[in-house]
């Protein structure tokens, strides 16, 4: 036993230093072990007849759907990571008539689950690239990646727990959601339902009814034609519509700006607790005029325009 207090203090410091050195050396070994990069491609081709359905489920990976040949579904799964990671990722392909099912499953190793911060393992990169007939329906579910859909002409459903969603040049209903990314839809036709817990929602040039919800971003609806329902808890709402077919727009933290043709008709019911309501279009107001509230018929009346914000301005402008 060391009785000298100075020697005891020195011994304690040396012991702690050795412990930290061993810990750092062990973590570094985990960090740099198994760093050899491996790539694998799992391709599969299905013959189908006309319209059908694609079901794709994976606990990791980006998904890209593109319109292709009329009677063919081509799937290419690209996997890149360390040798152990690539070997642990499994794919499964099935066909039942005109229904094609693609599954991906990644099982993490025990050591990999324990790594965190600076010492976590290199990320496994997985991409599902699918070309399919434009009349195919799809149902997509990925727990960790982006979803991209281009050129399809039927109903598309998709959800991701950790990525962005992008849709272009599609016709048919869209039911899409993400827990952690932005959503963008361009040049589409059909009823559209989008939900995100952590990003912006942008729709440009769409014919069809729209319902969008975000808990943490802005909403932009540009060159749209349909009934509009939009809600955000942390952003602003900007709308440019071809005409008013009914609106229900709510935000807890931003402005609402609506742009309509000068001849657009509607019944305006707008209120704010943190700003002012203004309207450039001809309106016959009802009741006492207040800067925070406005009710009345625009150009003689039409579909209801319900606009509410707790923290911003409300502007109805003409173009």
Protein backbone atom coordinates (compact mmCIF):
# COMPACT_ATOMS: atom_id res chain seq x y z
CA UNK A 1 0.00 0.00 0.00
CA UNK A 2 1.26 3.45 -0.92
CA UNK A 3 1.16 5.76 2.12
CA UNK A 4 2.91 8.80 0.69
CA UNK A 5 0.09 11.10 -0.56
CA UNK A 6 2.19 12.52 -3.42
CA UNK A 7 3.17 9.06 -4.68
CA UNK A 8 -0.42 7.87 -4.30
CA UNK A 9 -1.68 10.81 -6.39
CA UNK A 10 0.97 10.16 -9.07
CA UNK A 11 0.08 6.47 -9.19
CA UNK A 12 -3.61 7.30 -9.61
CA UNK A 13 -2.86 9.64 -12.53
CA UNK A 14 -0.66 7.02 -14.22
CA UNK A 15 -3.30 4.33 -13.75
CA UNK A 16 -6.06 6.51 -15.26
CA UNK A 17 -3.80 7.47 -18.16
CA UNK A 18 -3.06 3.81 -18.93
CA UNK A 19 -6.77 3.01 -18.74
CA UNK A 20 -7.63 5.76 -21.24
CA UNK A 21 -4.81 4.63 -23.52
CA UNK A 22 -6.10 1.04 -23.54
CA UNK A 23 -9.67 2.29 -24.17
CA UNK A 24 -8.53 4.48 -27.06
CA UNK A 25 -6.42 1.68 -28.54
CA UNK A 26 -9.38 -0.73 -28.39
CA UNK A 27 -11.71 1.79 -30.00
CA UNK A 28 -9.17 2.55 -32.72
CA UNK A 29 -8.86 -1.15 -33.44
CA UNK A 30 -12.62 -1.34 -33.93
CA UNK A 31 -12.58 1.79 -36.08
CA UNK A 32 -9.92 0.64 -38.51
CA UNK A 33 -10.70 -3.08 -38.52
CA UNK A 34 -12.55 -4.53 -41.46
CA UNK A 35 -12.03 -1.45 -43.67
CA UNK A 36 -11.66 -3.29 -46.95
CA UNK A 37 -14.36 -2.04 -49.29
CA UNK A 38 -16.52 -4.58 -51.07
CA UNK A 39 -19.18 -4.05 -53.73
CA UNK A 40 -21.93 -6.40 -54.82
CA UNK A 41 -24.77 -6.14 -57.35
CA UNK A 42 -27.88 -8.33 -57.14
CA UNK A 43 -29.80 -8.11 -60.45
CA UNK A 44 -33.14 -9.71 -61.27
CA UNK A 45 -35.53 -9.48 -64.25
CA UNK A 46 -39.24 -10.35 -64.25
CA UNK A 47 -41.60 -10.77 -67.20
CA UNK A 48 -45.06 -9.30 -66.56
CA UNK A 49 -48.19 -8.60 -68.59
CA UNK A 50 -49.51 -5.02 -68.51
CA UNK A 51 -50.38 -3.35 -65.22
CA UNK A 52 -49.17 -4.93 -61.99
CA UNK A 53 -47.81 -4.15 -58.56
CA UNK A 54 -44.35 -3.74 -57.07
CA UNK A 55 -43.82 -4.31 -53.34
CA UNK A 56 -40.40 -3.28 -52.05
CA UNK A 57 -39.40 -3.55 -48.39
CA UNK A 58 -35.97 -2.99 -46.85
CA UNK A 59 -34.55 -1.86 -43.51
CA UNK A 60 -31.90 0.23 -45.28
CA UNK A 61 -31.29 1.76 -48.71
CA UNK A 62 -32.31 4.33 -51.31
CA UNK A 63 -35.09 3.41 -53.73
CA UNK A 64 -35.35 4.65 -57.32
CA UNK A 65 -38.33 3.78 -59.53
CA UNK A 66 -38.27 4.71 -63.22
CA UNK A 67 -40.76 3.94 -66.00
CA UNK A 68 -39.28 1.42 -68.44
CA UNK A 69 -40.27 -1.43 -70.77
CA UNK A 70 -43.94 -2.38 -71.08
CA UNK A 71 -43.74 -6.02 -69.98
CA UNK A 72 -40.54 -6.10 -67.93
CA UNK A 73 -39.53 -5.30 -64.37
CA UNK A 74 -35.78 -4.96 -63.95
CA UNK A 75 -34.31 -4.75 -60.47
CA UNK A 76 -30.72 -3.92 -59.63
CA UNK A 77 -29.59 -3.81 -55.99
CA UNK A 78 -26.19 -2.20 -55.45
CA UNK A 79 -24.48 -2.83 -52.10
CA UNK A 80 -21.24 -1.18 -50.99
CA UNK A 81 -19.48 -1.34 -47.62
CA UNK A 82 -17.02 -3.41 -45.66
CA UNK A 83 -16.83 -7.10 -46.51
CA UNK A 84 -18.77 -8.10 -43.40
CA UNK A 85 -21.46 -5.47 -44.01
CA UNK A 86 -22.01 -6.52 -47.61
CA UNK A 87 -22.17 -10.19 -46.64
CA UNK A 88 -24.75 -9.43 -43.94
CA UNK A 89 -27.12 -7.71 -46.39
CA UNK A 90 -29.55 -10.20 -47.93
CA UNK A 91 -31.95 -9.77 -50.85
CA UNK A 92 -35.01 -11.78 -51.78
CA UNK A 93 -37.01 -11.67 -55.04
CA UNK A 94 -40.47 -13.13 -55.59
CA UNK A 95 -43.16 -13.06 -58.28
CA UNK A 96 -46.81 -14.00 -58.00
CA UNK A 97 -48.53 -13.31 -61.33
CA UNK A 98 -48.15 -9.60 -61.96
CA UNK A 99 -47.06 -8.84 -58.41
CA UNK A 100 -43.30 -8.49 -57.90
CA UNK A 101 -41.85 -8.43 -54.38
CA UNK A 102 -38.32 -7.25 -53.56
CA UNK A 103 -36.97 -7.51 -50.01
CA UNK A 104 -33.76 -6.32 -48.40
CA UNK A 105 -32.57 -7.14 -44.90
CA UNK A 106 -29.42 -6.01 -43.10
CA UNK A 107 -28.42 -7.66 -39.84
CA UNK A 108 -25.85 -5.67 -37.88
CA UNK A 109 -23.10 -7.45 -36.00
CA UNK A 110 -22.82 -7.26 -32.21
CA UNK A 111 -19.68 -5.13 -32.32
CA UNK A 112 -21.21 -2.85 -34.93
CA UNK A 113 -24.22 -2.15 -32.73
CA UNK A 114 -21.94 -1.01 -29.92
CA UNK A 115 -20.02 1.55 -31.96
CA UNK A 116 -21.00 5.18 -31.67
CA UNK A 117 -19.79 8.72 -32.37
CA UNK A 118 -16.28 8.88 -33.84
CA UNK A 119 -15.85 5.12 -33.68
CA UNK A 120 -18.99 3.96 -35.47
CA UNK A 121 -18.50 1.65 -38.45
CA UNK A 122 -18.41 2.87 -42.03
CA UNK A 123 -21.88 3.36 -43.47
CA UNK A 124 -23.32 0.62 -45.63
CA UNK A 125 -24.57 2.02 -48.94
CA UNK A 126 -27.53 0.26 -50.57
CA UNK A 127 -29.44 1.34 -53.68
CA UNK A 128 -32.50 -0.30 -55.23
CA UNK A 129 -32.85 0.73 -58.89
CA UNK A 130 -36.07 -0.53 -60.47
CA UNK A 131 -37.38 0.04 -64.00
CA UNK A 132 -40.98 -1.06 -64.48
CA UNK A 133 -43.98 -0.53 -66.77
CA UNK A 134 -45.48 2.93 -66.33
CA UNK A 135 -48.89 1.47 -65.37
CA UNK A 136 -47.47 -0.39 -62.36
CA UNK A 137 -48.64 0.39 -58.83
CA UNK A 138 -45.90 0.51 -56.20
CA UNK A 139 -45.76 0.17 -52.42
CA UNK A 140 -42.35 1.11 -51.04
CA UNK A 141 -41.01 0.91 -47.48
CA UNK A 142 -37.42 1.67 -46.47
CA UNK A 143 -36.15 2.38 -42.99
CA UNK A 144 -33.14 4.40 -44.05
CA UNK A 145 -32.94 6.05 -47.46
CA UNK A 146 -34.32 8.36 -50.14
CA UNK A 147 -37.23 7.55 -52.45
CA UNK A 148 -37.27 8.76 -56.07
CA UNK A 149 -40.13 8.07 -58.51
CA UNK A 150 -40.15 9.15 -62.18
CA UNK A 151 -42.57 8.72 -65.06
CA UNK A 152 -45.13 6.30 -63.57
CA UNK A 153 -48.84 6.55 -64.39
CA UNK A 154 -50.60 4.83 -61.51
CA UNK A 155 -51.00 4.98 -57.73
CA UNK A 156 -47.70 5.15 -55.80
CA UNK A 157 -47.31 4.59 -52.06
CA UNK A 158 -44.07 4.99 -50.15
CA UNK A 159 -42.60 5.58 -46.71
CA UNK A 160 -39.07 6.14 -45.42
CA UNK A 161 -37.81 6.69 -41.91
CA UNK A 162 -34.75 8.65 -42.87
CA UNK A 163 -34.61 10.31 -46.27
CA UNK A 164 -35.95 12.70 -48.89
CA UNK A 165 -38.79 11.94 -51.30
CA UNK A 166 -38.77 13.17 -54.92
CA UNK A 167 -41.45 12.56 -57.57
CA UNK A 168 -41.39 13.78 -61.17
CA UNK A 169 -43.60 13.44 -64.26
CA UNK A 170 -46.13 11.05 -62.71
CA UNK A 171 -49.90 10.56 -63.04
CA UNK A 172 -52.07 8.87 -60.43
CA UNK A 173 -52.50 9.13 -56.69
CA UNK A 174 -49.46 9.74 -54.48
CA UNK A 175 -49.40 8.67 -50.81
CA UNK A 176 -45.91 9.33 -49.47
CA UNK A 177 -44.34 9.99 -46.08
CA UNK A 178 -40.93 10.48 -44.46
CA UNK A 179 -39.87 10.88 -40.85
CA UNK A 180 -36.74 12.83 -41.59
CA UNK A 181 -36.47 14.62 -44.91
CA UNK A 182 -37.76 17.03 -47.52
CA UNK A 183 -40.44 16.18 -50.09
CA UNK A 184 -40.66 17.48 -53.66
CA UNK A 185 -43.23 16.77 -56.38
CA UNK A 186 -42.98 18.22 -59.91
CA UNK A 187 -45.08 18.01 -63.08
CA UNK A 188 -47.65 15.51 -61.83
CA UNK A 189 -51.39 14.81 -62.09
CA UNK A 190 -53.53 13.19 -59.44
CA UNK A 191 -54.55 13.38 -55.80
CA UNK A 192 -51.46 13.91 -53.63
CA UNK A 193 -50.95 13.24 -49.93
CA UNK A 194 -47.54 14.05 -48.40
CA UNK A 195 -46.39 13.92 -44.77
CA UNK A 196 -43.00 14.68 -43.20
CA UNK A 197 -41.92 15.10 -39.60
CA UNK A 198 -38.78 17.03 -40.33
CA UNK A 199 -38.57 18.85 -43.64
CA UNK A 200 -39.96 21.16 -46.29
CA UNK A 201 -42.68 20.23 -48.79
CA UNK A 202 -42.50 21.63 -52.32
CA UNK A 203 -45.02 20.95 -55.09
CA UNK A 204 -44.63 22.59 -58.49
CA UNK A 205 -47.11 22.17 -61.34
CA UNK A 206 -49.70 19.67 -60.18
CA UNK A 207 -53.32 19.09 -61.19
CA UNK A 208 -55.29 17.38 -58.44
CA UNK A 209 -56.33 17.73 -54.82
CA UNK A 210 -53.45 18.18 -52.36
CA UNK A 211 -53.12 17.37 -48.66
CA UNK A 212 -49.74 17.98 -47.01
CA UNK A 213 -48.54 18.04 -43.41
CA UNK A 214 -45.10 18.90 -42.00
CA UNK A 215 -44.04 19.29 -38.40
CA UNK A 216 -40.86 21.19 -39.11
CA UNK A 217 -40.69 23.01 -42.41
CA UNK A 218 -42.12 25.30 -45.05
CA UNK A 219 -44.82 24.45 -47.59
CA UNK A 220 -44.59 25.72 -51.18
CA UNK A 221 -47.43 24.92 -53.61
CA UNK A 222 -46.65 26.51 -56.99
CA UNK A 223 -48.83 26.33 -60.11
CA UNK A 224 -51.33 23.97 -58.51
CA UNK A 225 -54.93 23.28 -59.50
CA UNK A 226 -57.13 21.50 -56.96
CA UNK A 227 -58.47 21.59 -53.43
CA UNK A 228 -55.65 22.47 -51.02
CA UNK A 229 -55.13 21.30 -47.43
CA UNK A 230 -51.80 22.20 -45.81
CA UNK A 231 -50.57 22.32 -42.25
CA UNK A 232 -47.16 23.11 -40.73
CA UNK A 233 -46.09 23.57 -37.13
CA UNK A 234 -42.88 25.38 -37.89
CA UNK A 235 -42.86 27.24 -41.19
CA UNK A 236 -44.55 29.42 -43.75
CA UNK A 237 -47.04 28.51 -46.48
CA UNK A 238 -46.74 29.91 -50.01
CA UNK A 239 -49.38 29.10 -52.62
CA UNK A 240 -49.74 30.05 -56.27
CA UNK A 241 -52.93 28.47 -57.59
CA UNK A 242 -54.59 28.54 -61.01
CA UNK A 243 -57.95 29.08 -59.30
CA UNK A 244 -59.59 28.59 -55.94
CA UNK A 245 -61.12 25.12 -55.53
CA UNK A 246 -61.15 25.29 -51.73
CA UNK A 247 -58.35 25.89 -49.23
CA UNK A 248 -57.67 24.95 -45.62
CA UNK A 249 -54.21 26.27 -44.67
CA UNK A 250 -52.81 26.41 -41.13
CA UNK A 251 -49.42 27.25 -39.62
CA UNK A 252 -48.24 27.84 -36.08
CA UNK A 253 -45.06 29.63 -36.98
CA UNK A 254 -45.06 31.64 -40.20
CA UNK A 255 -46.77 33.69 -42.89
CA UNK A 256 -49.43 32.50 -45.32
CA UNK A 257 -49.16 34.03 -48.79
CA UNK A 258 -51.73 33.14 -51.47
CA UNK A 259 -51.49 34.22 -55.11
CA UNK A 260 -54.56 33.88 -57.33
CA UNK A 261 -55.76 35.23 -60.67
CA UNK A 262 -57.51 38.58 -60.28
CA UNK A 263 -60.80 36.94 -61.34
CA UNK A 264 -60.66 34.15 -58.75
CA UNK A 265 -63.72 33.66 -56.55
CA UNK A 266 -63.94 32.52 -52.95
CA UNK A 267 -65.27 32.93 -49.44
CA UNK A 268 -62.40 34.18 -47.30
CA UNK A 269 -62.12 33.33 -43.59
CA UNK A 270 -58.65 34.42 -42.43
CA UNK A 271 -57.26 35.09 -38.96
CA UNK A 272 -53.88 35.58 -37.28
CA UNK A 273 -52.69 36.19 -33.73
CA UNK A 274 -49.34 37.61 -34.68
CA UNK A 275 -49.71 39.77 -37.77
CA UNK A 276 -52.11 41.36 -40.25
CA UNK A 277 -54.56 40.09 -42.89
CA UNK A 278 -54.61 41.80 -46.30
CA UNK A 279 -56.40 40.99 -49.56
CA UNK A 280 -55.68 42.53 -52.98
CA UNK A 281 -58.66 40.92 -54.70
CA UNK A 282 -62.10 42.59 -54.65
CA UNK A 283 -63.83 41.53 -51.42
CA UNK A 284 -67.10 42.35 -49.67
CA UNK A 285 -66.19 42.03 -45.99
CA UNK A 286 -68.56 40.86 -43.27
CA UNK A 287 -68.79 42.27 -39.76
CA UNK A 288 -66.37 44.63 -38.05
CA UNK A 289 -63.09 45.11 -39.88
CA UNK A 290 -60.00 44.07 -37.87
CA UNK A 291 -56.42 43.92 -39.04
CA UNK A 292 -56.02 40.40 -37.59
CA UNK A 293 -59.22 38.95 -39.11
CA UNK A 294 -61.02 39.14 -42.43
CA UNK A 295 -64.20 37.47 -43.66
CA UNK A 296 -66.04 38.06 -46.89
CA UNK A 297 -66.83 37.14 -50.48
CA UNK A 298 -64.08 37.53 -53.07
CA UNK A 299 -65.46 38.43 -56.52
CA UNK A 300 -68.95 37.43 -55.42
CA UNK A 301 -68.06 34.28 -53.48
CA UNK A 302 -67.09 30.70 -54.20
CA UNK A 303 -65.22 27.89 -52.42
CA UNK A 304 -64.15 28.44 -48.79
CA UNK A 305 -60.62 29.75 -48.14
CA UNK A 306 -59.88 29.00 -44.47
CA UNK A 307 -56.51 30.53 -43.52
CA UNK A 308 -55.10 30.53 -39.98
CA UNK A 309 -51.69 31.37 -38.48
CA UNK A 310 -50.56 31.91 -34.92
CA UNK A 311 -47.38 33.78 -35.74
CA UNK A 312 -47.36 35.65 -39.04
CA UNK A 313 -49.00 37.66 -41.79
CA UNK A 314 -51.76 36.50 -44.14
CA UNK A 315 -51.68 37.96 -47.65
CA UNK A 316 -54.05 37.20 -50.52
CA UNK A 317 -52.47 38.62 -53.68
CA UNK A 318 -53.40 38.69 -57.37
CA UNK A 319 -51.33 37.91 -60.45
